[in-house]
Protein backbone atom coordinates (compact mmCIF):
# COMPACT_ATOMS: atom_id res chain seq x y z
CA MET A 1 85.09 67.33 76.25
CA LEU A 2 85.99 64.08 74.44
CA LYS A 3 89.60 65.14 73.83
CA ASN A 4 90.04 65.33 77.61
CA ILE A 5 88.80 61.75 78.22
CA THR A 6 90.92 58.58 78.23
CA PRO A 7 89.12 55.22 78.35
CA LEU A 8 90.73 52.83 80.85
CA ILE A 9 90.05 49.09 80.52
CA LEU A 10 91.13 46.00 82.47
CA THR A 11 91.48 42.72 80.56
CA TYR A 12 92.10 39.06 81.19
CA ASN A 13 91.19 36.58 78.45
CA GLU A 14 88.60 38.90 76.92
CA ALA A 15 88.90 37.79 73.28
CA PRO A 16 85.12 37.24 72.99
CA ASN A 17 84.46 40.86 74.04
CA ILE A 18 87.31 43.32 73.63
CA GLU A 19 86.94 43.95 69.88
CA ARG A 20 83.33 45.13 70.24
CA THR A 21 84.31 47.38 73.12
CA LEU A 22 87.21 48.97 71.22
CA GLU A 23 85.09 49.46 68.06
CA HIS A 24 82.91 51.83 70.09
CA LEU A 25 85.93 53.82 71.29
CA THR A 26 87.34 54.95 67.94
CA TRP A 27 86.72 58.56 69.02
CA ALA A 28 89.40 58.33 71.74
CA LYS A 29 92.90 59.62 71.00
CA LYS A 30 94.35 57.21 73.54
CA ILE A 31 93.02 54.11 75.29
CA ILE A 32 94.80 52.58 78.28
CA ILE A 33 94.50 48.80 78.75
CA ILE A 34 95.88 46.98 81.79
CA ASP A 35 96.07 43.26 81.09
CA SER A 36 96.53 40.50 83.67
CA TYR A 37 98.65 38.33 81.33
CA SER A 38 95.92 37.00 79.05
CA THR A 39 96.53 33.60 77.46
CA ASP A 40 93.90 33.79 74.70
CA GLN A 41 93.76 36.10 71.65
CA THR A 42 93.09 39.26 73.66
CA ILE A 43 96.53 40.78 73.01
CA GLU A 44 96.42 39.96 69.28
CA ILE A 45 93.10 41.77 68.97
CA ILE A 46 94.30 44.78 70.95
CA ASN A 47 97.34 45.15 68.67
CA PHE A 48 95.03 46.06 65.76
CA TYR A 49 94.15 49.34 67.52
CA PRO A 50 97.03 51.86 67.30
CA GLN A 51 95.52 54.27 69.85
CA VAL A 52 95.76 51.61 72.59
CA LYS A 53 98.59 51.90 75.11
CA PHE A 54 99.01 48.40 76.47
CA TYR A 55 100.46 47.42 79.87
CA GLN A 56 100.58 44.15 81.75
CA ARG A 57 100.47 43.68 85.51
CA GLN A 58 100.05 40.56 87.59
CA PHE A 59 96.59 40.70 89.15
CA ASP A 60 96.30 40.89 92.94
CA THR A 61 93.17 42.98 93.60
CA HIS A 62 90.78 44.95 91.41
CA ALA A 63 91.53 48.16 93.32
CA ASN A 64 95.29 47.85 92.81
CA GLN A 65 94.81 47.05 89.13
CA TRP A 66 92.60 50.10 88.55
CA ASN A 67 94.88 52.42 90.54
CA TYR A 68 97.84 51.20 88.49
CA GLY A 69 95.89 52.08 85.37
CA LEU A 70 95.07 55.56 86.67
CA LYS A 71 98.80 56.28 86.93
CA LYS A 72 99.12 55.62 83.20
CA VAL A 73 96.42 58.16 82.28
CA SER A 74 97.62 61.65 81.37
CA SER A 75 94.28 63.30 80.53
CA GLU A 76 92.09 65.18 83.00
CA TRP A 77 89.16 62.76 82.71
CA VAL A 78 88.98 58.95 82.83
CA LEU A 79 86.24 56.70 81.44
CA SER A 80 86.66 53.40 83.31
CA LEU A 81 85.26 50.42 81.44
CA ASP A 82 85.15 46.67 81.79
CA ALA A 83 86.18 44.78 78.66
CA ASP A 84 82.55 43.86 77.95
CA TYR A 85 81.13 47.40 78.20
CA ILE A 86 79.78 49.12 75.09
CA VAL A 87 79.69 52.93 74.99
CA THR A 88 76.41 53.67 73.22
CA GLU A 89 75.95 56.46 70.68
CA GLU A 90 73.58 58.17 73.12
CA LEU A 91 76.22 58.20 75.86
CA LEU A 92 78.86 59.44 73.44
CA ALA A 93 76.62 62.33 72.39
CA GLU A 94 75.97 63.20 76.02
CA MET A 95 79.69 63.24 76.83
CA VAL A 96 80.35 65.53 73.85
CA ASP A 97 78.00 68.13 75.32
CA LEU A 98 79.35 68.02 78.89
CA PRO A 99 80.85 71.33 80.05
CA ILE A 100 84.63 71.21 80.42
CA ASP A 101 84.82 73.51 83.43
CA ASN A 102 82.23 72.87 86.11
CA SER A 103 81.99 71.78 89.72
CA VAL A 104 81.23 68.11 88.94
CA ASN A 105 84.13 65.70 89.44
CA GLY A 106 82.39 62.45 88.56
CA TYR A 107 79.43 61.09 86.62
CA PHE A 108 77.42 57.94 87.31
CA VAL A 109 76.30 55.89 84.32
CA ARG A 110 73.45 53.39 84.26
CA PHE A 111 73.61 50.00 82.56
CA LYS A 112 71.56 47.80 80.31
CA TYR A 113 72.52 44.14 80.51
CA CYS A 114 72.61 42.36 77.15
CA VAL A 115 71.93 38.68 76.51
CA PHE A 116 73.54 37.63 73.24
CA GLY A 117 73.70 41.26 72.16
CA LYS A 118 70.15 42.34 72.96
CA PRO A 119 69.57 44.77 75.87
CA LEU A 120 67.11 43.70 78.54
CA ARG A 121 64.38 45.97 79.90
CA GLY A 122 65.90 45.99 83.36
CA THR A 123 68.75 44.46 85.34
CA ILE A 124 70.07 44.44 88.88
CA LEU A 125 73.26 46.25 87.84
CA PRO A 126 73.52 49.49 89.85
CA PRO A 127 74.80 52.74 88.28
CA ARG A 128 78.58 53.05 88.31
CA GLN A 129 80.69 56.18 88.53
CA ALA A 130 82.50 55.54 85.26
CA LEU A 131 83.49 59.07 84.16
CA PHE A 132 85.58 61.11 86.58
CA ARG A 133 88.47 63.50 87.02
CA LYS A 134 91.66 61.52 87.47
CA ASP A 135 93.19 63.71 90.20
CA LYS A 136 90.01 63.51 92.32
CA ALA A 137 89.63 59.72 92.40
CA ILE A 138 91.05 56.57 93.95
CA TYR A 139 89.89 52.95 94.02
CA ILE A 140 89.51 50.89 97.19
CA GLN A 141 88.73 47.18 97.49
CA ASP A 142 85.12 46.29 98.38
CA GLY A 143 84.44 42.56 98.68
CA HIS A 144 85.16 40.83 95.38
CA THR A 145 85.25 44.07 93.42
CA GLN A 146 86.39 47.68 93.62
CA LEU A 147 84.79 50.88 94.88
CA LEU A 148 85.65 54.24 93.36
CA GLN A 149 85.92 57.19 95.71
CA VAL A 150 85.61 60.60 94.03
CA GLN A 151 86.14 63.84 95.91
CA GLY A 152 83.54 66.53 95.47
CA LYS A 153 80.29 66.67 93.57
CA SER A 154 78.95 63.90 91.34
CA ALA A 155 76.05 63.74 88.89
CA MET A 156 74.09 61.16 86.88
CA LEU A 157 74.20 60.87 83.11
CA GLY A 158 71.01 60.03 81.25
CA ALA A 159 72.35 57.56 78.65
CA TYR A 160 73.37 53.96 79.20
CA ILE A 161 76.38 51.69 78.88
CA HIS A 162 75.56 48.24 77.50
CA HIS A 163 77.04 45.31 79.44
CA ASP A 164 77.44 42.72 76.69
CA ASP A 165 79.45 39.74 77.90
CA ARG A 166 79.89 37.01 75.28
CA LYS A 167 82.27 34.75 77.20
CA SER A 168 81.30 31.09 77.60
CA PHE A 169 79.07 29.86 80.40
CA SER A 170 82.02 27.86 81.78
CA ARG A 171 84.09 31.03 82.05
CA TRP A 172 81.17 32.90 83.64
CA LEU A 173 80.75 30.09 86.18
CA TRP A 174 84.47 30.08 86.99
CA ALA A 175 84.51 33.85 87.48
CA GLN A 176 81.37 33.87 89.63
CA ASP A 177 82.71 31.20 91.96
CA ARG A 178 86.02 33.04 92.27
CA TYR A 179 84.29 36.33 93.05
CA LEU A 180 81.78 34.81 95.45
CA VAL A 181 84.46 33.19 97.63
CA ILE A 182 85.76 36.72 98.25
CA GLU A 183 82.22 38.02 98.74
CA VAL A 184 81.63 35.35 101.42
CA GLU A 185 84.69 36.58 103.26
CA LYS A 186 83.31 40.13 103.22
CA LEU A 187 79.85 39.01 104.41
CA LEU A 188 81.25 36.99 107.31
CA GLU A 189 83.79 39.56 108.45
CA THR A 190 81.42 42.55 108.32
CA PRO A 191 79.24 43.12 111.42
CA THR A 192 75.58 42.48 110.67
CA SER A 193 74.68 46.04 111.69
CA GLU A 194 76.91 47.36 108.89
CA LEU A 195 75.47 45.14 106.16
CA SER A 196 72.88 46.37 103.69
CA LEU A 197 69.41 44.82 103.72
CA GLY A 198 70.31 42.79 100.63
CA ASP A 199 73.48 41.42 102.21
CA ARG A 200 71.60 40.55 105.42
CA ILE A 201 69.19 38.50 103.32
CA ARG A 202 72.14 36.82 101.57
CA ARG A 203 73.62 35.90 104.95
CA GLN A 204 70.47 33.87 105.66
CA LYS A 205 71.32 31.69 102.63
CA ILE A 206 67.80 30.40 101.91
CA LEU A 207 65.74 33.37 100.73
CA ALA A 208 68.13 35.19 98.39
CA PRO A 209 67.86 32.84 95.35
CA PHE A 210 64.04 32.96 95.44
CA ILE A 211 63.93 36.73 95.95
CA ILE A 212 66.33 37.41 93.09
CA LEU A 213 64.24 35.24 90.73
CA ILE A 214 61.09 37.23 91.50
CA TYR A 215 63.00 40.53 91.40
CA CYS A 216 64.50 39.87 87.95
CA LEU A 217 61.36 38.46 86.34
CA ILE A 218 58.66 40.64 87.92
CA PHE A 219 60.11 43.86 89.35
CA LYS A 220 62.64 44.25 86.51
CA ALA A 221 60.16 42.99 83.90
CA GLY A 222 62.48 40.25 82.73
CA ILE A 223 59.50 38.04 81.92
CA LEU A 224 58.68 40.48 79.08
CA ASP A 225 62.11 39.82 77.52
CA GLY A 226 61.19 36.23 76.74
CA TRP A 227 63.88 33.57 76.97
CA ARG A 228 66.58 36.23 77.39
CA GLY A 229 64.89 37.45 80.56
CA TRP A 230 64.71 33.91 81.92
CA TYR A 231 68.35 33.33 80.96
CA TYR A 232 69.46 36.39 82.94
CA ALA A 233 67.25 35.50 85.90
CA PHE A 234 68.62 31.94 85.98
CA GLN A 235 72.18 33.33 85.90
CA ARG A 236 71.51 35.55 88.90
CA VAL A 237 69.72 32.75 90.79
CA LEU A 238 72.63 30.41 90.15
CA ALA A 239 75.08 33.02 91.46
CA GLU A 240 73.04 33.37 94.66
CA ILE A 241 72.88 29.57 95.06
CA ILE A 242 76.67 29.37 94.72
CA LEU A 243 77.00 32.12 97.32
CA SER A 244 74.70 30.23 99.71
CA ILE A 245 76.70 27.02 99.26
CA ARG A 246 79.95 28.88 99.85
CA LEU A 247 78.51 30.49 102.98
CA ILE A 248 77.47 27.11 104.38
CA GLU A 249 80.91 25.71 103.57
CA ALA A 250 82.75 28.66 105.12
CA GLU A 251 80.63 28.68 108.29
CA LYS A 252 81.28 24.96 108.79
CA ARG A 253 85.00 25.52 108.44
CA HIS A 254 84.80 28.39 110.87
CA ARG A 255 83.16 26.08 113.42
CA ASP A 256 85.85 23.47 112.82
CA TYR A 257 88.62 26.08 113.00
CA PRO A 258 87.33 28.74 115.45
CA ASN A 259 90.71 30.47 115.64
CA ALA A 260 90.91 30.90 111.87
CA ILE A 261 90.26 34.63 111.76
CA GLY A 262 92.04 37.46 110.01
CA ALA A 263 94.79 36.26 107.73
CA LYS A 264 94.25 32.60 108.63
CA TRP A 265 90.54 32.84 107.85
CA GLY A 266 91.26 34.44 104.50
CA THR A 267 93.77 31.71 103.68
CA ILE A 268 91.24 28.95 104.42
CA LEU A 269 88.66 30.62 102.20
CA HIS A 270 91.06 31.16 99.30
CA LYS A 271 92.18 27.55 99.20
CA ASN A 272 89.05 27.02 97.11
């Protein structure tokens, strides 16, 4: 099965992460990387890996970036990875044993979030359909991120991917704020009846930070992970606080500019 799989990775200034990710992909004959014109040492690191086919594209949306990458893949199967994802030995062994010809077109993979390299007991990261047949899949934009649509039957793998992001807190904060501005736009433009329970709570602005703290520490047993569990919980609480602040800011602007809908509304939001 492995010879029919091509890892596909998106990068932008991922020097703190990309080497660890690539070191766990030495089994792959070819790796496709789509870079959004990194300005750090990402490209220098990538050049040490001869199996990497490297392309650059100016970033516009996650969906467009991933779909561009899919066009560069020639194998039947794609393993889509962020630049801070680690393919564990357990997952590799499971992929080796997958049947080549079956009715499944995509596989969901669960995650373990790492804090400074150590996996936590539980996280809020949902499973992601990371392994799929190329000709059965397409990405669409969903809020600040992408959503993969796979035709046909899907299944769940038993092993985990480790999400091990070692970028600085300043970079994390910058990325979260950038993503959450787009998430605010999605929350405000989507009818309440179409929002999930979690997103309805987020729309209320007050409860979400407190709920996520309890969820991470108690329901996901983060308190048993010691300071790493608190670190992760504080990260998620901070992200929800930023979202609440952005919601308040956006709603005030919407009251001040009631005709700022559609493209105009998006422009006002993205000025930040």
